[in-house]
Amino acid sequence: MEARLWKASLQRAEWTFSRGQNHIFLLRSGSGILRLGGRDISLLGPLLVWIPLGEVGSSIFDAGTEGGVLAIPDDILGPAMPSGAVFARVREAIARPILGARLSPADAQRYLTNVSSIEQELQADLPGAQEAVRHHLALLLLAVWRHSEPAAQQSQPSPRAIVRSFLHLVELHAREHWTIPRYAATLGISTDRLNTAVRRATGRTPAAVIHRRILSQAAMLLEGTTMQVAEIAEALGFKDAAYFSRFFKREAGVSPRSHREDAAMARIPRETSFAAWP
């Protein structure tokens, strides 16, 4: 992650962004040009620009411009997402570019204070720095959502956005064994709406999607580590190894121990030619 503020300068400033990170640009004053998707977009502060992961382009800020920028990898963005009923709406808002949302001078200053705090935390790297960064980033993500199109703020999340947000939450909280009502409440929708959206998109119930993800993580640990079954159970949030073993056998058809043995046997080269005999 990278955070940078710039003050009025006699020289132009340029920032190139690649597909690998999300970007927030904040202008308190001044002007510039955003080059994105083969077109030039004029910028005049105070304003906010959000560029999601996958976009390629650059921005050129004229001399005298004041503002800041954040470059945010997805693995930092995910844990910083606000929870509660706004989660799905924020997730939907940041899925597309926001090119020049107008800000009041007070809002621009407040958001740049968050960028400054993130910059200081990253530089000092004191204990708790990552938690502080996530806090300030969550506030900025709320700002991005609030300054996205008004229609997006008022409307209910689309089925596609619900499923995308649900899968994101599963990645973050599957090991905490959230209930389906808790996932729905975090997304700000009913359990029935969550169930319908997930079933139509995946052919599975939300619970089945969660179980498949936990099973996948369990299989990876059984095949790729020497952790004991009890250790894997604890790592995946199960209260005891016996409960984990029953879950695994119900979902995979074999016990964790048998799965590990089968995986080990599958890695052993099998000589099928007489020419390989000594």
C-alpha atoms as a PDB file:
ATOM      1  CA  MET A   1       0.000   0.000   0.000  1.00  0.00           C
ATOM      2  CA  GLU A   2       1.201   3.519  -0.761  1.00  0.00           C
ATOM      3  CA  ALA A   3      -0.049   6.893   0.480  1.00  0.00           C
ATOM      4  CA  ARG A   4       1.203  10.264  -0.677  1.00  0.00           C
ATOM      5  CA  LEU A   5       0.219  13.897  -0.186  1.00  0.00           C
ATOM      6  CA  TRP A   6       1.408  16.724  -2.370  1.00  0.00           C
ATOM      7  CA  LYS A   7       1.296  20.457  -1.746  1.00  0.00           C
ATOM      8  CA  ALA A   8       1.289  23.346  -4.210  1.00  0.00           C
ATOM      9  CA  SER A   9       4.389  23.038  -6.385  1.00  0.00           C
ATOM     10  CA  LEU A  10       5.852  24.967  -9.283  1.00  0.00           C
ATOM     11  CA  GLN A  11       6.011  21.725 -11.273  1.00  0.00           C
ATOM     12  CA  ARG A  12       3.408  19.360 -12.650  1.00  0.00           C
ATOM     13  CA  ALA A  13       2.989  16.004 -10.900  1.00  0.00           C
ATOM     14  CA  GLU A  14       2.221  12.729 -12.689  1.00  0.00           C
ATOM     15  CA  TRP A  15       0.980   9.411 -11.308  1.00  0.00           C
ATOM     16  CA  THR A  16       0.745   6.227 -13.361  1.00  0.00           C
ATOM     17  CA  PHE A  17      -1.503   3.433 -12.114  1.00  0.00           C
ATOM     18  CA  SER A  18      -1.590  -0.220 -13.142  1.00  0.00           C
ATOM     19  CA  ARG A  19      -4.071  -3.095 -12.947  1.00  0.00           C
ATOM     20  CA  GLY A  20      -2.689  -4.448  -9.695  1.00  0.00           C
ATOM     21  CA  GLN A  21      -4.128  -1.907  -7.232  1.00  0.00           C
ATOM     22  CA  ASN A  22      -7.136   0.254  -6.441  1.00  0.00           C
ATOM     23  CA  HIS A  23      -6.582   4.025  -6.322  1.00  0.00           C
ATOM     24  CA  ILE A  24      -8.155   7.016  -4.592  1.00  0.00           C
ATOM     25  CA  PHE A  25      -7.193  10.498  -5.822  1.00  0.00           C
ATOM     26  CA  LEU A  26      -8.257  13.537  -3.779  1.00  0.00           C
ATOM     27  CA  LEU A  27      -7.828  17.123  -4.977  1.00  0.00           C
ATOM     28  CA  ARG A  28      -8.233  19.915  -2.457  1.00  0.00           C
ATOM     29  CA  SER A  29      -7.479  22.586  -5.053  1.00  0.00           C
ATOM     30  CA  GLY A  30      -6.028  22.915  -8.519  1.00  0.00           C
ATOM     31  CA  SER A  31      -6.594  20.997 -11.718  1.00  0.00           C
ATOM     32  CA  GLY A  32      -5.326  18.183 -13.875  1.00  0.00           C
ATOM     33  CA  ILE A  33      -6.120  15.482 -16.402  1.00  0.00           C
ATOM     34  CA  LEU A  34      -7.018  11.829 -15.841  1.00  0.00           C
ATOM     35  CA  ARG A  35      -6.136   9.511 -18.718  1.00  0.00           C
ATOM     36  CA  LEU A  36      -8.214   6.355 -18.603  1.00  0.00           C
ATOM     37  CA  GLY A  37      -9.543   4.015 -21.269  1.00  0.00           C
ATOM     38  CA  GLY A  38      -8.171   6.056 -24.161  1.00  0.00           C
ATOM     39  CA  ARG A  39      -9.796   9.326 -23.095  1.00  0.00           C
ATOM     40  CA  ASP A  40      -8.750  12.424 -21.173  1.00  0.00           C
ATOM     41  CA  ILE A  41     -10.957  13.596 -18.303  1.00  0.00           C
ATOM     42  CA  SER A  42     -10.502  17.099 -16.892  1.00  0.00           C
ATOM     43  CA  LEU A  43     -10.153  17.403 -13.134  1.00  0.00           C
ATOM     44  CA  LEU A  44     -10.878  20.518 -11.074  1.00  0.00           C
ATOM     45  CA  GLY A  45     -10.653  20.405  -7.299  1.00  0.00           C
ATOM     46  CA  PRO A  46     -12.024  19.873  -4.805  1.00  0.00           C
ATOM     47  CA  LEU A  47     -13.002  16.400  -6.005  1.00  0.00           C
ATOM     48  CA  LEU A  48     -12.611  12.665  -5.496  1.00  0.00           C
ATOM     49  CA  VAL A  49     -11.590  10.037  -8.053  1.00  0.00           C
ATOM     50  CA  TRP A  50     -11.863   6.280  -7.458  1.00  0.00           C
ATOM     51  CA  ILE A  51     -10.112   3.852  -9.828  1.00  0.00           C
ATOM     52  CA  PRO A  52     -10.850   0.166  -9.068  1.00  0.00           C
ATOM     53  CA  LEU A  53      -8.489  -2.743  -9.564  1.00  0.00           C
ATOM     54  CA  GLY A  54      -7.937  -3.652 -13.214  1.00  0.00           C
ATOM     55  CA  GLU A  55      -7.870  -0.152 -14.697  1.00  0.00           C
ATOM     56  CA  VAL A  56      -4.732   1.240 -16.361  1.00  0.00           C
ATOM     57  CA  GLY A  57      -3.987   4.913 -16.898  1.00  0.00           C
ATOM     58  CA  SER A  58      -2.338   8.013 -15.481  1.00  0.00           C
ATOM     59  CA  SER A  59      -3.103  11.385 -13.962  1.00  0.00           C
ATOM     60  CA  ILE A  60      -1.285  14.662 -14.502  1.00  0.00           C
ATOM     61  CA  PHE A  61      -1.779  17.443 -11.964  1.00  0.00           C
ATOM     62  CA  ASP A  62      -0.999  21.029 -12.876  1.00  0.00           C
ATOM     63  CA  ALA A  63       1.451  23.174 -10.937  1.00  0.00           C
ATOM     64  CA  GLY A  64      -0.126  24.530  -7.778  1.00  0.00           C
ATOM     65  CA  THR A  65      -2.419  21.542  -7.262  1.00  0.00           C
ATOM     66  CA  GLU A  66      -2.850  20.202  -3.712  1.00  0.00           C
ATOM     67  CA  GLY A  67      -4.131  16.737  -2.908  1.00  0.00           C
ATOM     68  CA  GLY A  68      -3.230  13.148  -2.216  1.00  0.00           C
ATOM     69  CA  VAL A  69      -3.391   9.605  -3.512  1.00  0.00           C
ATOM     70  CA  LEU A  70      -3.740   6.092  -2.097  1.00  0.00           C
ATOM     71  CA  ALA A  71      -2.712   2.919  -3.937  1.00  0.00           C
ATOM     72  CA  ILE A  72      -4.510  -0.002  -2.279  1.00  0.00           C
ATOM     73  CA  PRO A  73      -3.923  -3.731  -2.947  1.00  0.00           C
ATOM     74  CA  ASP A  74      -7.029  -5.920  -2.774  1.00  0.00           C
ATOM     75  CA  ASP A  75      -5.706  -7.890   0.209  1.00  0.00           C
ATOM     76  CA  ILE A  76      -5.719  -4.665   2.248  1.00  0.00           C
ATOM     77  CA  LEU A  77      -8.960  -3.341   0.770  1.00  0.00           C
ATOM     78  CA  GLY A  78     -10.965  -6.447   1.752  1.00  0.00           C
ATOM     79  CA  PRO A  79     -10.399  -6.359   5.537  1.00  0.00           C
ATOM     80  CA  ALA A  80     -11.019  -2.594   5.556  1.00  0.00           C
ATOM     81  CA  MET A  81     -14.488  -2.868   4.026  1.00  0.00           C
ATOM     82  CA  PRO A  82     -17.200  -1.422   6.300  1.00  0.00           C
ATOM     83  CA  SER A  83     -19.477  -4.046   7.803  1.00  0.00           C
ATOM     84  CA  GLY A  84     -23.172  -3.895   8.502  1.00  0.00           C
ATOM     85  CA  ALA A  85     -26.012  -3.022   6.178  1.00  0.00           C
ATOM     86  CA  VAL A  86     -23.890  -0.770   3.945  1.00  0.00           C
ATOM     87  CA  PHE A  87     -21.377  -3.485   3.028  1.00  0.00           C
ATOM     88  CA  ALA A  88     -23.069  -4.584  -0.215  1.00  0.00           C
ATOM     89  CA  ARG A  89     -23.690  -0.996  -1.325  1.00  0.00           C
ATOM     90  CA  VAL A  90     -20.094   0.043  -0.707  1.00  0.00           C
ATOM     91  CA  ARG A  91     -18.872  -3.062  -2.520  1.00  0.00           C
ATOM     92  CA  GLU A  92     -21.104  -2.265  -5.488  1.00  0.00           C
ATOM     93  CA  ALA A  93     -20.009   1.380  -5.564  1.00  0.00           C
ATOM     94  CA  ILE A  94     -16.284   0.575  -5.646  1.00  0.00           C
ATOM     95  CA  ALA A  95     -16.672  -1.982  -8.427  1.00  0.00           C
ATOM     96  CA  ARG A  96     -16.664   0.822 -11.024  1.00  0.00           C
ATOM     97  CA  PRO A  97     -14.662   4.047 -11.519  1.00  0.00           C
ATOM     98  CA  ILE A  98     -15.868   7.299  -9.973  1.00  0.00           C
ATOM     99  CA  LEU A  99     -14.351  10.026 -12.114  1.00  0.00           C
ATOM    100  CA  GLY A 100     -14.460  13.365 -10.402  1.00  0.00           C
ATOM    101  CA  ALA A 101     -17.130  13.397  -7.685  1.00  0.00           C
ATOM    102  CA  ARG A 102     -17.429  16.978  -6.435  1.00  0.00           C
ATOM    103  CA  LEU A 103     -16.457  17.632  -2.810  1.00  0.00           C
ATOM    104  CA  SER A 104     -16.948  20.530  -0.462  1.00  0.00           C
ATOM    105  CA  PRO A 105     -13.671  22.084   0.748  1.00  0.00           C
ATOM    106  CA  ALA A 106     -14.414  20.723   4.247  1.00  0.00           C
ATOM    107  CA  ASP A 107     -14.949  17.173   2.968  1.00  0.00           C
ATOM    108  CA  ALA A 108     -11.789  17.335   0.858  1.00  0.00           C
ATOM    109  CA  GLN A 109      -9.782  18.437   3.886  1.00  0.00           C
ATOM    110  CA  ARG A 110     -11.292  15.727   6.095  1.00  0.00           C
ATOM    111  CA  TYR A 111     -10.533  12.951   3.607  1.00  0.00           C
ATOM    112  CA  LEU A 112      -6.992  14.204   3.052  1.00  0.00           C
ATOM    113  CA  THR A 113      -6.506  14.041   6.827  1.00  0.00           C
ATOM    114  CA  ASN A 114      -7.291  10.304   6.563  1.00  0.00           C
ATOM    115  CA  VAL A 115      -4.719   9.943   3.787  1.00  0.00           C
ATOM    116  CA  SER A 116      -2.174  11.817   5.898  1.00  0.00           C
ATOM    117  CA  SER A 117      -2.870   9.535   8.868  1.00  0.00           C
ATOM    118  CA  ILE A 118      -2.407   6.442   6.683  1.00  0.00           C
ATOM    119  CA  GLU A 119       0.862   7.858   5.338  1.00  0.00           C
ATOM    120  CA  GLN A 120       2.157   8.477   8.869  1.00  0.00           C
ATOM    121  CA  GLU A 121       1.117   5.006  10.087  1.00  0.00           C
ATOM    122  CA  LEU A 122       2.845   3.313   7.156  1.00  0.00           C
ATOM    123  CA  GLN A 123       6.034   5.283   7.711  1.00  0.00           C
ATOM    124  CA  ALA A 124       6.197   4.862  11.501  1.00  0.00           C
ATOM    125  CA  ASP A 125       5.139   1.182  11.421  1.00  0.00           C
ATOM    126  CA  LEU A 126       4.336   1.204  15.132  1.00  0.00           C
ATOM    127  CA  PRO A 127       2.421  -1.616  16.884  1.00  0.00           C
ATOM    128  CA  GLY A 128      -1.194  -1.555  15.735  1.00  0.00           C
ATOM    129  CA  ALA A 129      -0.318   0.311  12.526  1.00  0.00           C
ATOM    130  CA  GLN A 130      -2.278  -2.055  10.280  1.00  0.00           C
ATOM    131  CA  GLU A 131      -5.397  -1.715  12.429  1.00  0.00           C
ATOM    132  CA  ALA A 132      -5.111   2.087  12.274  1.00  0.00           C
ATOM    133  CA  VAL A 133      -4.647   1.975   8.497  1.00  0.00           C
ATOM    134  CA  ARG A 134      -7.758  -0.210   8.108  1.00  0.00           C
ATOM    135  CA  HIS A 135      -9.757   2.245  10.232  1.00  0.00           C
ATOM    136  CA  HIS A 136      -8.837   5.273   8.129  1.00  0.00           C
ATOM    137  CA  LEU A 137      -9.279   3.326   4.903  1.00  0.00           C
ATOM    138  CA  ALA A 138     -12.785   2.234   5.971  1.00  0.00           C
ATOM    139  CA  LEU A 139     -13.714   5.899   6.435  1.00  0.00           C
ATOM    140  CA  LEU A 140     -12.439   6.685   2.942  1.00  0.00           C
ATOM    141  CA  LEU A 141     -14.379   3.782   1.418  1.00  0.00           C
ATOM    142  CA  LEU A 142     -17.536   5.144   3.019  1.00  0.00           C
ATOM    143  CA  ALA A 143     -16.704   8.513   1.462  1.00  0.00           C
ATOM    144  CA  VAL A 144     -16.300   6.889  -1.961  1.00  0.00           C
ATOM    145  CA  TRP A 145     -19.713   5.256  -1.600  1.00  0.00           C
ATOM    146  CA  ARG A 146     -21.404   8.449  -0.397  1.00  0.00           C
ATOM    147  CA  HIS A 147     -20.058  10.394  -3.358  1.00  0.00           C
ATOM    148  CA  SER A 148     -20.955   7.770  -5.955  1.00  0.00           C
ATOM    149  CA  GLU A 149     -24.092   8.199  -8.078  1.00  0.00           C
ATOM    150  CA  PRO A 150     -27.190   9.018  -5.956  1.00  0.00           C
ATOM    151  CA  ALA A 151     -29.163   6.191  -7.580  1.00  0.00           C
ATOM    152  CA  ALA A 152     -26.563   3.693  -6.429  1.00  0.00           C
ATOM    153  CA  GLN A 153     -26.867   5.011  -2.865  1.00  0.00           C
ATOM    154  CA  GLN A 154     -30.630   4.562  -2.644  1.00  0.00           C
ATOM    155  CA  SER A 155     -31.245   1.368  -4.569  1.00  0.00           C
ATOM    156  CA  GLN A 156     -31.100  -2.124  -3.171  1.00  0.00           C
ATOM    157  CA  PRO A 157     -28.008  -4.108  -4.212  1.00  0.00           C
ATOM    158  CA  SER A 158     -28.428  -6.161  -7.379  1.00  0.00           C
ATOM    159  CA  PRO A 159     -28.403  -9.997  -7.169  1.00  0.00           C
ATOM    160  CA  ARG A 160     -24.972  -9.985  -8.788  1.00  0.00           C
ATOM    161  CA  ALA A 161     -23.648  -7.528  -6.186  1.00  0.00           C
ATOM    162  CA  ILE A 162     -25.193  -9.620  -3.391  1.00  0.00           C
ATOM    163  CA  VAL A 163     -23.440 -12.787  -4.554  1.00  0.00           C
ATOM    164  CA  ARG A 164     -20.124 -11.004  -5.093  1.00  0.00           C
ATOM    165  CA  SER A 165     -20.299  -9.421  -1.651  1.00  0.00           C
ATOM    166  CA  PHE A 166     -21.393 -12.691  -0.027  1.00  0.00           C
ATOM    167  CA  LEU A 167     -18.445 -14.581  -1.530  1.00  0.00           C
ATOM    168  CA  HIS A 168     -16.129 -11.833  -0.331  1.00  0.00           C
ATOM    169  CA  LEU A 169     -17.514 -12.159   3.206  1.00  0.00           C
ATOM    170  CA  VAL A 170     -17.126 -15.936   3.076  1.00  0.00           C
ATOM    171  CA  GLU A 171     -13.437 -15.501   2.273  1.00  0.00           C
ATOM    172  CA  LEU A 172     -13.059 -13.246   5.300  1.00  0.00           C
ATOM    173  CA  HIS A 173     -15.273 -15.019   7.844  1.00  0.00           C
ATOM    174  CA  ALA A 174     -15.732 -18.679   6.916  1.00  0.00           C
ATOM    175  CA  ARG A 175     -13.366 -19.719   9.706  1.00  0.00           C
ATOM    176  CA  GLU A 176     -15.444 -17.762  12.199  1.00  0.00           C
ATOM    177  CA  HIS A 177     -18.504 -19.900  11.293  1.00  0.00           C
ATOM    178  CA  TRP A 178     -20.892 -16.990  10.818  1.00  0.00           C
ATOM    179  CA  THR A 179     -24.563 -17.937  10.608  1.00  0.00           C
ATOM    180  CA  ILE A 180     -26.528 -17.275   7.409  1.00  0.00           C
ATOM    181  CA  PRO A 181     -28.642 -14.594   9.171  1.00  0.00           C
ATOM    182  CA  ARG A 182     -25.425 -12.815  10.157  1.00  0.00           C
ATOM    183  CA  TYR A 183     -24.195 -12.796   6.545  1.00  0.00           C
ATOM    184  CA  ALA A 184     -27.583 -11.437   5.438  1.00  0.00           C
ATOM    185  CA  ALA A 185     -27.608  -8.761   8.144  1.00  0.00           C
ATOM    186  CA  THR A 186     -24.103  -7.639   7.173  1.00  0.00           C
ATOM    187  CA  LEU A 187     -25.264  -7.337   3.569  1.00  0.00           C
ATOM    188  CA  GLY A 188     -28.381  -5.436   4.645  1.00  0.00           C
ATOM    189  CA  ILE A 189     -30.812  -7.933   3.093  1.00  0.00           C
ATOM    190  CA  SER A 190     -33.137 -10.706   4.242  1.00  0.00           C
ATOM    191  CA  THR A 191     -32.007 -14.323   4.485  1.00  0.00           C
ATOM    192  CA  ASP A 192     -34.562 -15.218   1.809  1.00  0.00           C
ATOM    193  CA  ARG A 193     -33.081 -12.702  -0.630  1.00  0.00           C
ATOM    194  CA  LEU A 194     -29.574 -13.952   0.076  1.00  0.00           C
ATOM    195  CA  ASN A 195     -30.658 -17.558  -0.411  1.00  0.00           C
ATOM    196  CA  THR A 196     -32.402 -16.766  -3.717  1.00  0.00           C
ATOM    197  CA  ALA A 197     -29.495 -14.773  -5.153  1.00  0.00           C
ATOM    198  CA  VAL A 198     -26.852 -17.345  -4.198  1.00  0.00           C
ATOM    199  CA  ARG A 199     -28.934 -20.312  -5.411  1.00  0.00           C
ATOM    200  CA  ARG A 200     -29.547 -18.715  -8.807  1.00  0.00           C
ATOM    201  CA  ALA A 201     -25.893 -17.795  -9.281  1.00  0.00           C
ATOM    202  CA  THR A 202     -24.207 -20.941  -7.950  1.00  0.00           C
ATOM    203  CA  GLY A 203     -26.846 -23.663  -7.816  1.00  0.00           C
ATOM    204  CA  ARG A 204     -26.079 -24.086  -4.119  1.00  0.00           C
ATOM    205  CA  THR A 205     -27.453 -22.746  -0.864  1.00  0.00           C
ATOM    206  CA  PRO A 206     -25.372 -20.178   1.021  1.00  0.00           C
ATOM    207  CA  ALA A 207     -24.564 -22.831   3.639  1.00  0.00           C
ATOM    208  CA  ALA A 208     -23.325 -25.217   0.941  1.00  0.00           C
ATOM    209  CA  VAL A 209     -21.095 -22.490  -0.508  1.00  0.00           C
ATOM    210  CA  ILE A 210     -19.602 -21.852   2.938  1.00  0.00           C
ATOM    211  CA  HIS A 211     -19.086 -25.571   3.588  1.00  0.00           C
ATOM    212  CA  ARG A 212     -17.375 -26.024   0.226  1.00  0.00           C
ATOM    213  CA  ARG A 213     -14.977 -23.169   1.026  1.00  0.00           C
ATOM    214  CA  ILE A 214     -14.122 -24.622   4.445  1.00  0.00           C
ATOM    215  CA  LEU A 215     -13.677 -28.071   2.882  1.00  0.00           C
ATOM    216  CA  SER A 216     -11.331 -26.602   0.280  1.00  0.00           C
ATOM    217  CA  GLN A 217      -9.223 -24.957   2.986  1.00  0.00           C
ATOM    218  CA  ALA A 218      -9.175 -28.177   5.015  1.00  0.00           C
ATOM    219  CA  ALA A 219      -8.077 -30.257   2.020  1.00  0.00           C
ATOM    220  CA  MET A 220      -5.305 -27.776   1.259  1.00  0.00           C
ATOM    221  CA  LEU A 221      -3.979 -28.016   4.814  1.00  0.00           C
ATOM    222  CA  LEU A 222      -4.230 -31.822   4.864  1.00  0.00           C
ATOM    223  CA  GLU A 223      -2.397 -32.161   1.550  1.00  0.00           C
ATOM    224  CA  GLY A 224       0.156 -29.374   1.882  1.00  0.00           C
ATOM    225  CA  THR A 225       1.150 -29.348   5.565  1.00  0.00           C
ATOM    226  CA  THR A 226       2.137 -31.720   8.351  1.00  0.00           C
ATOM    227  CA  MET A 227      -0.354 -30.168  10.777  1.00  0.00           C
ATOM    228  CA  GLN A 228      -2.229 -32.642  12.961  1.00  0.00           C
ATOM    229  CA  VAL A 229      -5.969 -33.038  12.359  1.00  0.00           C
ATOM    230  CA  ALA A 230      -6.660 -31.338  15.696  1.00  0.00           C
ATOM    231  CA  GLU A 231      -4.481 -28.384  14.685  1.00  0.00           C
ATOM    232  CA  ILE A 232      -6.303 -28.052  11.366  1.00  0.00           C
ATOM    233  CA  ALA A 233      -9.636 -28.205  13.149  1.00  0.00           C
ATOM    234  CA  GLU A 234      -8.571 -25.357  15.438  1.00  0.00           C
ATOM    235  CA  ALA A 235      -7.196 -23.297  12.533  1.00  0.00           C
ATOM    236  CA  LEU A 236     -10.542 -23.600  10.742  1.00  0.00           C
ATOM    237  CA  GLY A 237     -12.560 -22.546  13.776  1.00  0.00           C
ATOM    238  CA  PHE A 238     -13.968 -25.927  14.854  1.00  0.00           C
ATOM    239  CA  LYS A 239     -14.499 -26.463  18.568  1.00  0.00           C
ATOM    240  CA  ASP A 240     -12.976 -29.930  18.559  1.00  0.00           C
ATOM    241  CA  ALA A 241     -11.272 -32.358  16.201  1.00  0.00           C
ATOM    242  CA  ALA A 242     -14.110 -34.893  16.356  1.00  0.00           C
ATOM    243  CA  TYR A 243     -16.647 -32.371  15.099  1.00  0.00           C
ATOM    244  CA  PHE A 244     -14.260 -31.340  12.304  1.00  0.00           C
ATOM    245  CA  SER A 245     -13.725 -34.982  11.306  1.00  0.00           C
ATOM    246  CA  ARG A 246     -17.488 -35.585  11.125  1.00  0.00           C
ATOM    247  CA  PHE A 247     -17.920 -32.436   9.020  1.00  0.00           C
ATOM    248  CA  PHE A 248     -15.110 -33.430   6.660  1.00  0.00           C
ATOM    249  CA  LYS A 249     -16.368 -36.988   6.187  1.00  0.00           C
ATOM    250  CA  ARG A 250     -19.913 -35.773   5.560  1.00  0.00           C
ATOM    251  CA  GLU A 251     -18.738 -33.285   2.911  1.00  0.00           C
ATOM    252  CA  ALA A 252     -15.859 -35.228   1.321  1.00  0.00           C
ATOM    253  CA  GLY A 253     -17.006 -38.818   1.821  1.00  0.00           C
ATOM    254  CA  VAL A 254     -13.774 -39.831   3.589  1.00  0.00           C
ATOM    255  CA  SER A 255     -12.144 -38.999   6.903  1.00  0.00           C
ATOM    256  CA  PRO A 256      -9.412 -36.321   7.081  1.00  0.00           C
ATOM    257  CA  ARG A 257      -6.813 -39.024   7.730  1.00  0.00           C
ATOM    258  CA  SER A 258      -7.924 -41.063   4.715  1.00  0.00           C
ATOM    259  CA  HIS A 259      -7.911 -37.975   2.524  1.00  0.00           C
ATOM    260  CA  ARG A 260      -4.325 -37.197   3.553  1.00  0.00           C
ATOM    261  CA  GLU A 261      -3.234 -40.782   2.901  1.00  0.00           C
ATOM    262  CA  ASP A 262      -4.942 -40.840  -0.508  1.00  0.00           C
ATOM    263  CA  ALA A 263      -3.285 -37.541  -1.456  1.00  0.00           C
ATOM    264  CA  ALA A 264       0.121 -38.884  -0.400  1.00  0.00           C
ATOM    265  CA  MET A 265      -0.359 -42.054  -2.462  1.00  0.00           C
ATOM    266  CA  ALA A 266      -1.380 -40.004  -5.490  1.00  0.00           C
ATOM    267  CA  ARG A 267       1.946 -38.178  -5.364  1.00  0.00           C
ATOM    268  CA  ILE A 268       3.977 -41.376  -5.502  1.00  0.00           C
ATOM    269  CA  PRO A 269       5.193 -42.006  -9.091  1.00  0.00           C
ATOM    270  CA  ARG A 270       3.813 -45.251 -10.434  1.00  0.00           C
ATOM    271  CA  GLU A 271       6.087 -47.174 -12.792  1.00  0.00           C
ATOM    272  CA  THR A 272       3.997 -48.973 -15.347  1.00  0.00           C
ATOM    273  CA  SER A 273       6.688 -49.996 -17.809  1.00  0.00           C
ATOM    274  CA  PHE A 274       8.842 -53.159 -17.619  1.00  0.00           C
ATOM    275  CA  ALA A 275      11.703 -51.014 -18.925  1.00  0.00           C
ATOM    276  CA  ALA A 276      11.766 -49.235 -15.597  1.00  0.00           C
ATOM    277  CA  TRP A 277      12.511 -52.441 -13.728  1.00  0.00           C
ATOM    278  CA  PRO A 278      16.117 -52.961 -12.550  1.00  0.00           C
END
